[in-house]
Amino acid sequence: MIAGIAAIVLILAIAAVLLFINLPDANAFNARVEQLFIANDDLTGMAEIKLLEILAQSGTAFSDTLASYRFVIFVLLVFATALLVAAVAFLVMLIALNRRMGRIERQGIEVNSLLISRDEKAVYLNDFAFKLTDAAIETLSVLAEARMDDEVLSGAEIEGMISGRDSADCDEAAGATRIKRLRDTLGNQLVSELLVKNIARKGYMLAIDKDVIRMV
C-alpha cells in the first residue's frame, strides 16, 4: 500500500514537471517585442513608438499572468497530492478498522475487567465507563451473577429474578425487552451485541470470562 502511494505521488510529480516544462516562457512575448524594436530602427514616429510601448506593456502583463498561472497550477497540484495521500491513508485506516471489527466479531470482546457499581449506576468495561439506568443495572447484575454460575437465563427467568416472581409466571418478552433496553443504554451497538449474547432457544448470557466480573 505504501509503495502504491509512493508510485502515485511520483507520477503526479513527473506530470507536474512535464507540465511546467511545456508551459510557454513567461518572457517569450517580451523577447518578441524586443526583436521588433531591434529589427525596426526606422519606427521613429510617435504612433509607431506608442504601439511598441503598448506591446511592451502587454508583454509584461502576459509575463505576470503566466507567472500567476504557474503558481496556481503548483498549488493545485500540491493540494491534489495532499488529498490523494489523505484519501489513501483514510482508505487504509478503514480497511484496518474493518479487519479489526471482523476479528472482534469472530472472537468477541476481550474484557479484562467488568465492574458493576450500583451506587454510581455505572458499569466499567475495561477502560470505558457506561452510565446505566436502574433497570439496566438490575438486568446486567442478574446476567453477571448468572455468568459467574455458568448459567444461561431465558427472558422469563431474567424477568422473574428482577421482579421477584416465579419465572413460570413471567413473560419471555418482558425479559427480552429488558435485554433490549440494556443494549440501548450501553449505546455502542458493537459492544452491546457482543457483550450480551443471545443463544438460540436457550436465552441470554454475558460473553466474558466470569473471573473478570466484580460487583460493588
N, C-alpha and C. Protein backbone atom coordinates (compact mmCIF):
# COMPACT_ATOMS: atom_id res chain seq x y z
N MET A 1 0.82 -1.20 0.00
CA MET A 1 0.00 0.00 0.00
C MET A 1 0.86 1.26 0.00
N ILE A 2 1.93 1.25 0.83
CA ILE A 2 2.83 2.40 0.88
C ILE A 2 3.52 2.58 -0.46
N ALA A 3 3.91 1.46 -1.08
CA ALA A 3 4.55 1.54 -2.39
C ALA A 3 3.59 2.14 -3.42
N GLY A 4 2.31 1.79 -3.33
CA GLY A 4 1.32 2.35 -4.25
C GLY A 4 1.17 3.85 -4.07
N ILE A 5 1.16 4.31 -2.80
CA ILE A 5 1.07 5.75 -2.55
C ILE A 5 2.28 6.46 -3.11
N ALA A 6 3.48 5.88 -2.88
CA ALA A 6 4.70 6.48 -3.39
C ALA A 6 4.69 6.56 -4.91
N ALA A 7 4.17 5.50 -5.57
CA ALA A 7 4.11 5.49 -7.03
C ALA A 7 3.17 6.58 -7.55
N ILE A 8 2.04 6.74 -6.88
CA ILE A 8 1.07 7.77 -7.31
C ILE A 8 1.66 9.16 -7.14
N VAL A 9 2.32 9.39 -6.00
CA VAL A 9 2.94 10.70 -5.77
C VAL A 9 4.03 10.96 -6.80
N LEU A 10 4.80 9.92 -7.13
CA LEU A 10 5.86 10.07 -8.14
C LEU A 10 5.27 10.41 -9.51
N ILE A 11 4.17 9.75 -9.86
CA ILE A 11 3.51 10.04 -11.14
C ILE A 11 3.03 11.49 -11.18
N LEU A 12 2.44 11.95 -10.07
CA LEU A 12 1.99 13.34 -10.02
C LEU A 12 3.16 14.31 -10.12
N ALA A 13 4.26 13.97 -9.49
CA ALA A 13 5.45 14.84 -9.56
C ALA A 13 5.98 14.92 -10.98
N ILE A 14 6.04 13.76 -11.66
CA ILE A 14 6.51 13.75 -13.05
C ILE A 14 5.57 14.55 -13.94
N ALA A 15 4.26 14.38 -13.72
CA ALA A 15 3.28 15.14 -14.50
C ALA A 15 3.43 16.64 -14.28
N ALA A 16 3.70 17.03 -13.03
CA ALA A 16 3.89 18.45 -12.73
C ALA A 16 5.12 19.00 -13.42
N VAL A 17 6.22 18.24 -13.40
CA VAL A 17 7.46 18.68 -14.06
C VAL A 17 7.24 18.84 -15.56
N LEU A 18 6.58 17.84 -16.18
CA LEU A 18 6.32 17.93 -17.62
C LEU A 18 5.41 19.10 -17.95
N LEU A 19 4.44 19.36 -17.09
CA LEU A 19 3.52 20.47 -17.32
C LEU A 19 4.26 21.80 -17.27
N PHE A 20 5.11 21.96 -16.27
CA PHE A 20 5.85 23.22 -16.15
C PHE A 20 6.85 23.39 -17.28
N ILE A 21 7.44 22.29 -17.73
CA ILE A 21 8.40 22.38 -18.83
C ILE A 21 7.72 22.83 -20.12
N ASN A 22 6.49 22.33 -20.35
CA ASN A 22 5.79 22.62 -21.60
C ASN A 22 5.00 23.93 -21.57
N LEU A 23 4.94 24.58 -20.42
CA LEU A 23 4.31 25.89 -20.38
C LEU A 23 5.17 26.89 -21.16
N PRO A 24 4.56 27.84 -21.87
CA PRO A 24 5.36 28.82 -22.62
C PRO A 24 6.19 29.68 -21.68
N ASP A 25 7.32 30.16 -22.21
CA ASP A 25 8.22 31.01 -21.43
C ASP A 25 7.50 32.32 -21.11
N ALA A 26 7.59 32.73 -19.88
CA ALA A 26 6.91 33.96 -19.47
C ALA A 26 7.48 35.19 -20.17
N ASN A 27 8.75 35.11 -20.61
CA ASN A 27 9.39 36.25 -21.26
C ASN A 27 9.38 36.14 -22.78
N ALA A 28 8.64 35.15 -23.30
CA ALA A 28 8.63 34.96 -24.76
C ALA A 28 8.05 36.18 -25.47
N PHE A 29 6.98 36.72 -24.93
CA PHE A 29 6.34 37.88 -25.58
C PHE A 29 7.27 39.08 -25.52
N ASN A 30 7.92 39.30 -24.39
CA ASN A 30 8.85 40.42 -24.27
C ASN A 30 10.02 40.28 -25.23
N ALA A 31 10.47 39.03 -25.41
CA ALA A 31 11.58 38.80 -26.34
C ALA A 31 11.18 39.15 -27.77
N ARG A 32 9.97 38.78 -28.14
CA ARG A 32 9.49 39.12 -29.49
C ARG A 32 9.37 40.64 -29.67
N VAL A 33 8.88 41.33 -28.68
CA VAL A 33 8.78 42.79 -28.77
C VAL A 33 10.16 43.42 -28.87
N GLU A 34 11.10 42.88 -28.10
CA GLU A 34 12.47 43.40 -28.16
C GLU A 34 13.06 43.21 -29.55
N GLN A 35 12.82 42.02 -30.15
CA GLN A 35 13.30 41.78 -31.51
C GLN A 35 12.65 42.76 -32.49
N LEU A 36 11.39 43.07 -32.24
CA LEU A 36 10.69 44.02 -33.11
C LEU A 36 11.30 45.41 -33.02
N PHE A 37 11.68 45.81 -31.81
CA PHE A 37 12.36 47.09 -31.63
C PHE A 37 13.68 47.11 -32.40
N ILE A 38 14.45 46.02 -32.26
CA ILE A 38 15.78 45.97 -32.87
C ILE A 38 15.69 45.90 -34.39
N ALA A 39 14.74 45.15 -34.91
CA ALA A 39 14.66 44.96 -36.36
C ALA A 39 14.03 46.14 -37.10
N ASN A 40 13.42 47.03 -36.33
CA ASN A 40 12.74 48.15 -36.99
C ASN A 40 13.22 49.46 -36.38
N ASP A 41 14.45 49.80 -36.71
CA ASP A 41 15.01 51.07 -36.22
C ASP A 41 14.35 52.28 -36.85
N ASP A 42 13.66 52.04 -37.97
CA ASP A 42 13.06 53.16 -38.68
C ASP A 42 11.71 53.56 -38.11
N LEU A 43 11.26 52.83 -37.10
CA LEU A 43 9.98 53.18 -36.48
C LEU A 43 10.21 54.31 -35.48
N THR A 44 10.20 55.51 -36.02
CA THR A 44 10.53 56.67 -35.18
C THR A 44 9.33 57.58 -34.97
N GLY A 45 8.23 57.32 -35.66
CA GLY A 45 7.05 58.15 -35.50
C GLY A 45 6.42 57.94 -34.14
N MET A 46 5.67 58.94 -33.71
CA MET A 46 5.03 58.86 -32.40
C MET A 46 4.05 57.69 -32.32
N ALA A 47 3.33 57.48 -33.42
CA ALA A 47 2.36 56.38 -33.42
C ALA A 47 3.05 55.04 -33.31
N GLU A 48 4.17 54.85 -34.05
CA GLU A 48 4.90 53.58 -34.01
C GLU A 48 5.49 53.35 -32.62
N ILE A 49 6.06 54.41 -32.05
CA ILE A 49 6.68 54.29 -30.72
C ILE A 49 5.61 53.95 -29.67
N LYS A 50 4.44 54.59 -29.79
CA LYS A 50 3.36 54.32 -28.85
C LYS A 50 2.89 52.87 -28.97
N LEU A 51 2.82 52.39 -30.22
CA LEU A 51 2.42 50.99 -30.44
C LEU A 51 3.42 50.03 -29.82
N LEU A 52 4.72 50.33 -29.97
CA LEU A 52 5.75 49.46 -29.39
C LEU A 52 5.69 49.49 -27.86
N GLU A 53 5.39 50.65 -27.28
CA GLU A 53 5.26 50.73 -25.83
C GLU A 53 4.08 49.90 -25.33
N ILE A 54 2.98 49.96 -26.10
CA ILE A 54 1.81 49.17 -25.73
C ILE A 54 2.13 47.67 -25.80
N LEU A 55 2.88 47.29 -26.86
CA LEU A 55 3.28 45.89 -26.99
C LEU A 55 4.19 45.47 -25.83
N ALA A 56 5.09 46.35 -25.43
CA ALA A 56 5.99 46.03 -24.32
C ALA A 56 5.20 45.86 -23.02
N GLN A 57 4.24 46.75 -22.80
CA GLN A 57 3.40 46.63 -21.60
C GLN A 57 2.56 45.35 -21.63
N SER A 58 2.07 45.00 -22.82
CA SER A 58 1.30 43.77 -22.95
C SER A 58 2.17 42.55 -22.64
N GLY A 59 3.43 42.61 -23.09
CA GLY A 59 4.35 41.51 -22.80
C GLY A 59 4.58 41.35 -21.31
N THR A 60 4.72 42.48 -20.62
CA THR A 60 4.91 42.43 -19.16
C THR A 60 3.67 41.85 -18.48
N ALA A 61 2.48 42.29 -18.92
CA ALA A 61 1.24 41.77 -18.35
C ALA A 61 1.12 40.27 -18.60
N PHE A 62 1.50 39.83 -19.83
CA PHE A 62 1.46 38.40 -20.14
C PHE A 62 2.41 37.61 -19.24
N SER A 63 3.60 38.18 -19.01
CA SER A 63 4.58 37.52 -18.15
C SER A 63 4.05 37.37 -16.73
N ASP A 64 3.43 38.45 -16.20
CA ASP A 64 2.89 38.38 -14.83
C ASP A 64 1.74 37.38 -14.75
N THR A 65 0.88 37.37 -15.77
CA THR A 65 -0.26 36.45 -15.77
C THR A 65 0.20 35.00 -15.81
N LEU A 66 1.20 34.73 -16.67
CA LEU A 66 1.69 33.36 -16.77
C LEU A 66 2.37 32.92 -15.49
N ALA A 67 3.06 33.84 -14.83
CA ALA A 67 3.69 33.51 -13.54
C ALA A 67 2.63 33.16 -12.50
N SER A 68 1.52 33.92 -12.50
CA SER A 68 0.44 33.61 -11.55
C SER A 68 -0.19 32.26 -11.88
N TYR A 69 -0.32 31.95 -13.19
CA TYR A 69 -0.85 30.65 -13.59
C TYR A 69 0.04 29.53 -13.09
N ARG A 70 1.34 29.73 -13.21
CA ARG A 70 2.29 28.70 -12.74
C ARG A 70 2.09 28.45 -11.24
N PHE A 71 1.93 29.54 -10.49
CA PHE A 71 1.75 29.40 -9.04
C PHE A 71 0.45 28.68 -8.72
N VAL A 72 -0.63 29.06 -9.44
CA VAL A 72 -1.92 28.42 -9.20
C VAL A 72 -1.85 26.93 -9.54
N ILE A 73 -1.23 26.58 -10.64
CA ILE A 73 -1.08 25.18 -11.03
C ILE A 73 -0.28 24.42 -9.99
N PHE A 74 0.78 25.04 -9.49
CA PHE A 74 1.60 24.39 -8.46
C PHE A 74 0.79 24.13 -7.19
N VAL A 75 0.02 25.14 -6.76
CA VAL A 75 -0.80 24.98 -5.55
C VAL A 75 -1.84 23.89 -5.75
N LEU A 76 -2.47 23.86 -6.93
CA LEU A 76 -3.49 22.84 -7.20
C LEU A 76 -2.88 21.44 -7.21
N LEU A 77 -1.68 21.31 -7.77
CA LEU A 77 -1.01 20.00 -7.77
C LEU A 77 -0.66 19.55 -6.36
N VAL A 78 -0.16 20.48 -5.55
CA VAL A 78 0.15 20.14 -4.16
C VAL A 78 -1.12 19.74 -3.41
N PHE A 79 -2.19 20.50 -3.63
CA PHE A 79 -3.47 20.21 -2.98
C PHE A 79 -4.01 18.85 -3.42
N ALA A 80 -3.91 18.56 -4.73
CA ALA A 80 -4.39 17.28 -5.24
C ALA A 80 -3.58 16.12 -4.65
N THR A 81 -2.26 16.33 -4.54
CA THR A 81 -1.42 15.29 -3.96
C THR A 81 -1.77 15.05 -2.50
N ALA A 82 -1.98 16.15 -1.75
CA ALA A 82 -2.34 16.01 -0.34
C ALA A 82 -3.68 15.29 -0.19
N LEU A 83 -4.66 15.65 -1.03
CA LEU A 83 -5.96 14.98 -0.97
C LEU A 83 -5.83 13.50 -1.31
N LEU A 84 -5.01 13.19 -2.30
CA LEU A 84 -4.84 11.79 -2.69
C LEU A 84 -4.21 10.99 -1.56
N VAL A 85 -3.16 11.55 -0.97
CA VAL A 85 -2.49 10.85 0.14
C VAL A 85 -3.45 10.69 1.31
N ALA A 86 -4.23 11.75 1.62
CA ALA A 86 -5.20 11.66 2.72
C ALA A 86 -6.28 10.62 2.43
N ALA A 87 -6.74 10.57 1.17
CA ALA A 87 -7.77 9.60 0.81
C ALA A 87 -7.24 8.17 0.92
N VAL A 88 -6.02 7.96 0.45
CA VAL A 88 -5.44 6.62 0.54
C VAL A 88 -5.21 6.23 2.00
N ALA A 89 -4.71 7.20 2.80
CA ALA A 89 -4.49 6.91 4.22
C ALA A 89 -5.82 6.59 4.92
N PHE A 90 -6.88 7.34 4.57
CA PHE A 90 -8.20 7.07 5.13
C PHE A 90 -8.70 5.69 4.72
N LEU A 91 -8.42 5.32 3.47
CA LEU A 91 -8.83 4.00 2.99
C LEU A 91 -8.10 2.90 3.75
N VAL A 92 -6.80 3.12 3.98
CA VAL A 92 -6.02 2.13 4.74
C VAL A 92 -6.57 2.00 6.16
N MET A 93 -6.93 3.14 6.77
CA MET A 93 -7.49 3.10 8.12
C MET A 93 -8.82 2.35 8.14
N LEU A 94 -9.64 2.58 7.11
CA LEU A 94 -10.93 1.87 7.05
C LEU A 94 -10.73 0.37 6.89
N ILE A 95 -9.78 -0.01 6.04
CA ILE A 95 -9.50 -1.44 5.85
C ILE A 95 -9.02 -2.07 7.15
N ALA A 96 -8.10 -1.37 7.84
CA ALA A 96 -7.58 -1.88 9.10
C ALA A 96 -8.69 -1.97 10.15
N LEU A 97 -9.58 -0.95 10.17
CA LEU A 97 -10.68 -0.96 11.13
C LEU A 97 -11.66 -2.09 10.84
N ASN A 98 -11.95 -2.31 9.55
CA ASN A 98 -12.86 -3.40 9.18
C ASN A 98 -12.28 -4.75 9.56
N ARG A 99 -10.97 -4.89 9.37
CA ARG A 99 -10.33 -6.15 9.76
C ARG A 99 -10.41 -6.35 11.27
N ARG A 100 -10.17 -5.25 12.00
CA ARG A 100 -10.23 -5.35 13.45
C ARG A 100 -11.64 -5.69 13.92
N MET A 101 -12.63 -5.02 13.31
CA MET A 101 -14.02 -5.31 13.66
C MET A 101 -14.38 -6.76 13.33
N GLY A 102 -13.83 -7.25 12.20
CA GLY A 102 -14.08 -8.63 11.84
C GLY A 102 -13.53 -9.59 12.86
N ARG A 103 -12.31 -9.28 13.35
CA ARG A 103 -11.72 -10.14 14.39
C ARG A 103 -12.53 -10.10 15.66
N ILE A 104 -13.02 -8.89 16.00
CA ILE A 104 -13.83 -8.76 17.21
C ILE A 104 -15.12 -9.55 17.08
N GLU A 105 -15.74 -9.46 15.90
CA GLU A 105 -16.99 -10.18 15.68
C GLU A 105 -16.79 -11.69 15.74
N ARG A 106 -15.61 -12.14 15.29
CA ARG A 106 -15.35 -13.59 15.32
C ARG A 106 -14.96 -14.07 16.72
N GLN A 107 -14.23 -13.22 17.45
CA GLN A 107 -13.67 -13.65 18.72
C GLN A 107 -14.42 -13.12 19.94
N GLY A 108 -15.26 -12.10 19.70
CA GLY A 108 -15.93 -11.45 20.82
C GLY A 108 -15.06 -10.36 21.41
N ILE A 109 -15.59 -9.69 22.44
CA ILE A 109 -14.85 -8.61 23.08
C ILE A 109 -13.89 -9.19 24.11
N GLU A 110 -12.65 -8.71 24.08
CA GLU A 110 -11.68 -9.15 25.08
C GLU A 110 -11.83 -8.25 26.30
N VAL A 111 -12.51 -8.76 27.31
CA VAL A 111 -12.80 -7.98 28.51
C VAL A 111 -11.83 -8.41 29.61
N ASN A 112 -11.07 -7.43 30.09
CA ASN A 112 -10.13 -7.71 31.17
C ASN A 112 -10.75 -7.45 32.53
N SER A 113 -11.76 -6.58 32.56
CA SER A 113 -12.45 -6.31 33.82
C SER A 113 -13.84 -5.78 33.54
N LEU A 114 -14.78 -6.23 34.36
CA LEU A 114 -16.15 -5.73 34.28
C LEU A 114 -16.60 -5.43 35.71
N LEU A 115 -16.70 -4.15 36.01
CA LEU A 115 -17.07 -3.71 37.35
C LEU A 115 -18.45 -3.06 37.29
N ILE A 116 -19.38 -3.63 38.05
CA ILE A 116 -20.73 -3.08 38.12
C ILE A 116 -20.88 -2.34 39.43
N SER A 117 -21.10 -1.04 39.36
CA SER A 117 -21.25 -0.20 40.55
C SER A 117 -22.70 0.23 40.68
N ARG A 118 -23.40 -0.35 41.65
CA ARG A 118 -24.81 0.00 41.85
C ARG A 118 -24.94 1.43 42.38
N ASP A 119 -24.01 1.83 43.25
CA ASP A 119 -24.09 3.17 43.83
C ASP A 119 -23.93 4.25 42.75
N GLU A 120 -23.00 4.04 41.84
CA GLU A 120 -22.75 5.03 40.78
C GLU A 120 -23.67 4.84 39.59
N LYS A 121 -24.44 3.75 39.59
CA LYS A 121 -25.30 3.41 38.46
C LYS A 121 -24.48 3.38 37.16
N ALA A 122 -23.37 2.66 37.24
CA ALA A 122 -22.47 2.62 36.08
C ALA A 122 -21.82 1.26 35.99
N VAL A 123 -21.35 0.94 34.81
CA VAL A 123 -20.57 -0.27 34.59
C VAL A 123 -19.25 0.15 33.94
N TYR A 124 -18.17 -0.40 34.43
CA TYR A 124 -16.84 -0.10 33.90
C TYR A 124 -16.35 -1.31 33.12
N LEU A 125 -16.29 -1.16 31.82
CA LEU A 125 -15.88 -2.24 30.92
C LEU A 125 -14.49 -1.91 30.41
N ASN A 126 -13.47 -2.62 30.92
CA ASN A 126 -12.08 -2.29 30.66
C ASN A 126 -11.85 -0.84 31.09
N ASP A 127 -11.52 0.04 30.15
CA ASP A 127 -11.28 1.45 30.49
C ASP A 127 -12.47 2.34 30.15
N PHE A 128 -13.61 1.75 29.81
CA PHE A 128 -14.77 2.53 29.40
C PHE A 128 -15.83 2.49 30.49
N ALA A 129 -16.43 3.66 30.75
CA ALA A 129 -17.49 3.76 31.74
C ALA A 129 -18.81 4.01 31.03
N PHE A 130 -19.83 3.28 31.43
CA PHE A 130 -21.16 3.43 30.86
C PHE A 130 -22.15 3.72 31.99
N LYS A 131 -22.84 4.85 31.89
CA LYS A 131 -23.88 5.18 32.85
C LYS A 131 -25.15 4.41 32.48
N LEU A 132 -25.75 3.76 33.47
CA LEU A 132 -26.92 2.94 33.22
C LEU A 132 -28.10 3.40 34.07
N THR A 133 -29.28 3.04 33.61
CA THR A 133 -30.48 3.27 34.40
C THR A 133 -30.58 2.19 35.48
N ASP A 134 -31.47 2.42 36.42
CA ASP A 134 -31.66 1.41 37.49
C ASP A 134 -32.06 0.06 36.90
N ALA A 135 -32.96 0.08 35.93
CA ALA A 135 -33.42 -1.16 35.31
C ALA A 135 -32.29 -1.86 34.59
N ALA A 136 -31.47 -1.08 33.89
CA ALA A 136 -30.35 -1.68 33.15
C ALA A 136 -29.32 -2.27 34.11
N ILE A 137 -29.08 -1.58 35.23
CA ILE A 137 -28.15 -2.10 36.24
C ILE A 137 -28.65 -3.43 36.79
N GLU A 138 -29.95 -3.52 37.06
CA GLU A 138 -30.51 -4.76 37.58
C GLU A 138 -30.38 -5.89 36.56
N THR A 139 -30.67 -5.58 35.31
CA THR A 139 -30.56 -6.61 34.26
C THR A 139 -29.13 -7.10 34.12
N LEU A 140 -28.18 -6.15 34.08
CA LEU A 140 -26.77 -6.53 33.94
C LEU A 140 -26.29 -7.30 35.15
N SER A 141 -26.74 -6.93 36.33
CA SER A 141 -26.33 -7.64 37.56
C SER A 141 -26.82 -9.08 37.54
N VAL A 142 -28.07 -9.26 37.10
CA VAL A 142 -28.61 -10.62 37.00
C VAL A 142 -27.81 -11.45 36.01
N LEU A 143 -27.47 -10.88 34.88
CA LEU A 143 -26.68 -11.59 33.88
C LEU A 143 -25.28 -11.90 34.41
N ALA A 144 -24.70 -10.96 35.17
CA ALA A 144 -23.36 -11.18 35.73
C ALA A 144 -23.37 -12.31 36.75
N GLU A 145 -24.38 -12.32 37.61
CA GLU A 145 -24.48 -13.40 38.60
C GLU A 145 -24.67 -14.75 37.91
N ALA A 146 -25.49 -14.75 36.87
CA ALA A 146 -25.70 -16.00 36.14
C ALA A 146 -24.42 -16.45 35.46
N ARG A 147 -23.66 -15.50 34.93
CA ARG A 147 -22.40 -15.87 34.26
C ARG A 147 -21.41 -16.47 35.25
N MET A 148 -21.37 -15.92 36.47
CA MET A 148 -20.46 -16.46 37.48
C MET A 148 -20.85 -17.87 37.90
N ASP A 149 -22.13 -18.21 37.68
CA ASP A 149 -22.61 -19.56 37.98
C ASP A 149 -22.69 -20.42 36.72
N ASP A 150 -22.17 -19.90 35.59
CA ASP A 150 -22.19 -20.62 34.30
C ASP A 150 -23.61 -20.96 33.86
N GLU A 151 -24.51 -20.02 34.07
CA GLU A 151 -25.90 -20.25 33.70
C GLU A 151 -26.30 -19.38 32.51
N VAL A 152 -27.24 -19.89 31.73
CA VAL A 152 -27.85 -19.13 30.65
C VAL A 152 -29.29 -18.87 31.04
N LEU A 153 -29.71 -17.61 31.04
CA LEU A 153 -31.04 -17.25 31.51
C LEU A 153 -31.96 -16.94 30.34
N SER A 154 -33.17 -17.46 30.44
CA SER A 154 -34.19 -17.10 29.46
C SER A 154 -34.77 -15.73 29.81
N GLY A 155 -35.55 -15.19 28.91
CA GLY A 155 -36.18 -13.91 29.18
C GLY A 155 -37.10 -13.97 30.38
N ALA A 156 -37.84 -15.07 30.50
CA ALA A 156 -38.76 -15.22 31.63
C ALA A 156 -37.99 -15.32 32.95
N GLU A 157 -36.86 -16.02 32.94
CA GLU A 157 -36.04 -16.14 34.16
C GLU A 157 -35.47 -14.80 34.57
N ILE A 158 -35.03 -14.02 33.58
CA ILE A 158 -34.50 -12.69 33.89
C ILE A 158 -35.58 -11.82 34.52
N GLU A 159 -36.75 -11.83 33.92
CA GLU A 159 -37.86 -11.05 34.45
C GLU A 159 -38.25 -11.52 35.85
N GLY A 160 -38.24 -12.83 36.05
CA GLY A 160 -38.58 -13.37 37.36
C GLY A 160 -37.59 -12.98 38.43
N MET A 161 -36.31 -13.04 38.15
CA MET A 161 -35.28 -12.70 39.14
C MET A 161 -35.33 -11.22 39.50
N ILE A 162 -35.66 -10.37 38.53
CA ILE A 162 -35.70 -8.93 38.80
C ILE A 162 -36.98 -8.53 39.52
N SER A 163 -38.07 -9.12 39.08
CA SER A 163 -39.37 -8.75 39.66
C SER A 163 -39.69 -9.50 40.95
N GLY A 164 -38.95 -10.59 41.21
CA GLY A 164 -39.20 -11.38 42.42
C GLY A 164 -40.32 -12.38 42.27
N ARG A 165 -40.78 -12.60 41.07
CA ARG A 165 -41.85 -13.57 40.83
C ARG A 165 -41.28 -14.88 40.30
N ASP A 166 -42.11 -15.88 40.26
CA ASP A 166 -41.70 -17.15 39.67
C ASP A 166 -41.57 -16.98 38.16
N SER A 167 -40.51 -17.58 37.60
CA SER A 167 -40.27 -17.41 36.15
C SER A 167 -41.41 -17.98 35.32
N ALA A 168 -42.11 -18.99 35.86
CA ALA A 168 -43.23 -19.58 35.13
C ALA A 168 -44.37 -18.57 34.96
N ASP A 169 -44.43 -17.60 35.85
CA ASP A 169 -45.49 -16.60 35.78
C ASP A 169 -45.08 -15.36 34.97
N CYS A 170 -43.88 -15.39 34.45
CA CYS A 170 -43.35 -14.23 33.73
C CYS A 170 -43.37 -14.47 32.23
N ASP A 171 -43.43 -13.39 31.51
CA ASP A 171 -43.48 -13.45 30.05
C ASP A 171 -42.06 -13.38 29.49
N GLU A 172 -41.79 -14.23 28.52
CA GLU A 172 -40.47 -14.24 27.87
C GLU A 172 -40.17 -12.87 27.24
N ALA A 173 -41.19 -12.25 26.68
CA ALA A 173 -40.99 -10.97 26.01
C ALA A 173 -40.57 -9.88 26.99
N ALA A 174 -41.00 -10.00 28.25
CA ALA A 174 -40.62 -8.99 29.24
C ALA A 174 -39.11 -9.00 29.47
N GLY A 175 -38.55 -10.20 29.57
CA GLY A 175 -37.09 -10.30 29.74
C GLY A 175 -36.35 -9.83 28.50
N ALA A 176 -36.89 -10.16 27.32
CA ALA A 176 -36.27 -9.71 26.07
C ALA A 176 -36.28 -8.19 25.98
N THR A 177 -37.35 -7.59 26.49
CA THR A 177 -37.43 -6.13 26.49
C THR A 177 -36.38 -5.53 27.41
N ARG A 178 -36.15 -6.17 28.56
CA ARG A 178 -35.11 -5.70 29.48
C ARG A 178 -33.72 -5.79 28.82
N ILE A 179 -33.48 -6.86 28.08
CA ILE A 179 -32.20 -7.01 27.38
C ILE A 179 -32.04 -5.91 26.33
N LYS A 180 -33.10 -5.64 25.61
CA LYS A 180 -33.06 -4.59 24.58
C LYS A 180 -32.76 -3.23 25.20
N ARG A 181 -33.40 -2.95 26.32
CA ARG A 181 -33.17 -1.66 26.99
C ARG A 181 -31.75 -1.57 27.53
N LEU A 182 -31.22 -2.69 27.99
CA LEU A 182 -29.83 -2.71 28.45
C LEU A 182 -28.89 -2.38 27.29
N ARG A 183 -29.12 -3.02 26.17
CA ARG A 183 -28.28 -2.76 25.00
C ARG A 183 -28.41 -1.31 24.54
N ASP A 184 -29.63 -0.79 24.57
CA ASP A 184 -29.84 0.61 24.18
C ASP A 184 -29.11 1.55 25.12
N THR A 185 -29.11 1.22 26.41
CA THR A 185 -28.45 2.07 27.40
C THR A 185 -26.94 2.04 27.22
N LEU A 186 -26.41 0.86 26.89
CA LEU A 186 -24.97 0.78 26.64
C LEU A 186 -24.58 1.62 25.43
N GLY A 187 -25.49 1.76 24.49
CA GLY A 187 -25.29 2.69 23.39
C GLY A 187 -24.51 2.12 22.23
N ASN A 188 -23.27 1.70 22.45
CA ASN A 188 -22.43 1.18 21.38
C ASN A 188 -22.98 -0.17 20.93
N GLN A 189 -23.47 -0.24 19.71
CA GLN A 189 -24.13 -1.45 19.23
C GLN A 189 -23.18 -2.64 19.23
N LEU A 190 -21.93 -2.40 18.77
CA LEU A 190 -20.97 -3.50 18.71
C LEU A 190 -20.70 -4.06 20.10
N VAL A 191 -20.50 -3.15 21.07
CA VAL A 191 -20.22 -3.59 22.44
C VAL A 191 -21.41 -4.33 23.01
N SER A 192 -22.59 -3.75 22.87
CA SER A 192 -23.76 -4.35 23.49
C SER A 192 -24.13 -5.68 22.87
N GLU A 193 -24.02 -5.79 21.55
CA GLU A 193 -24.39 -7.03 20.88
C GLU A 193 -23.42 -8.16 21.21
N LEU A 194 -22.13 -7.82 21.35
CA LEU A 194 -21.14 -8.86 21.63
C LEU A 194 -21.02 -9.15 23.12
N LEU A 195 -21.31 -8.16 23.95
CA LEU A 195 -21.23 -8.38 25.39
C LEU A 195 -22.38 -9.26 25.87
N VAL A 196 -23.58 -8.94 25.44
CA VAL A 196 -24.77 -9.71 25.84
C VAL A 196 -25.14 -10.64 24.68
N LYS A 197 -24.81 -11.90 24.83
CA LYS A 197 -25.05 -12.87 23.78
C LYS A 197 -26.47 -13.45 23.88
N ASN A 198 -27.05 -13.63 22.71
CA ASN A 198 -28.35 -14.28 22.64
C ASN A 198 -28.15 -15.68 22.06
N ILE A 199 -28.32 -16.70 22.87
CA ILE A 199 -28.13 -18.08 22.45
C ILE A 199 -29.48 -18.65 22.04
N ALA A 200 -29.59 -19.07 20.81
CA ALA A 200 -30.87 -19.52 20.27
C ALA A 200 -31.48 -20.65 21.12
N ARG A 201 -32.75 -20.47 21.43
CA ARG A 201 -33.57 -21.45 22.16
C ARG A 201 -33.06 -21.72 23.57
N LYS A 202 -32.12 -20.92 24.05
CA LYS A 202 -31.63 -21.09 25.42
C LYS A 202 -31.84 -19.84 26.25
N GLY A 203 -31.36 -18.71 25.73
CA GLY A 203 -31.52 -17.47 26.50
C GLY A 203 -30.35 -16.53 26.31
N TYR A 204 -30.02 -15.83 27.38
CA TYR A 204 -29.02 -14.77 27.31
C TYR A 204 -27.90 -15.02 28.31
N MET A 205 -26.71 -14.55 27.94
CA MET A 205 -25.56 -14.66 28.83
C MET A 205 -24.53 -13.60 28.46
N LEU A 206 -23.65 -13.30 29.42
CA LEU A 206 -22.54 -12.39 29.16
C LEU A 206 -21.40 -13.19 28.52
N ALA A 207 -20.92 -12.73 27.38
CA ALA A 207 -19.88 -13.46 26.66
C ALA A 207 -18.49 -13.01 27.13
N ILE A 208 -18.23 -13.16 28.43
CA ILE A 208 -16.93 -12.80 29.00
C ILE A 208 -16.52 -13.85 30.02
N ASP A 209 -15.26 -13.78 30.40
CA ASP A 209 -14.76 -14.70 31.42
C ASP A 209 -15.37 -14.31 32.77
N LYS A 210 -15.87 -15.28 33.48
CA LYS A 210 -16.53 -14.98 34.75
C LYS A 210 -15.57 -14.46 35.82
N ASP A 211 -14.27 -14.72 35.64
CA ASP A 211 -13.30 -14.28 36.65
C ASP A 211 -13.04 -12.79 36.62
N VAL A 212 -13.45 -12.10 35.55
CA VAL A 212 -13.18 -10.65 35.46
C VAL A 212 -14.35 -9.84 35.98
N ILE A 213 -15.42 -10.50 36.43
CA ILE A 213 -16.62 -9.78 36.87
C ILE A 213 -16.50 -9.41 38.35
N ARG A 214 -16.80 -8.16 38.64
CA ARG A 214 -16.86 -7.68 40.04
C ARG A 214 -18.10 -6.80 40.18
N MET A 215 -18.74 -6.87 41.33
CA MET A 215 -19.91 -6.02 41.60
C MET A 215 -19.73 -5.36 42.96
N VAL A 216 -19.99 -4.08 43.00
CA VAL A 216 -19.86 -3.33 44.25
C VAL A 216 -21.14 -2.53 44.48
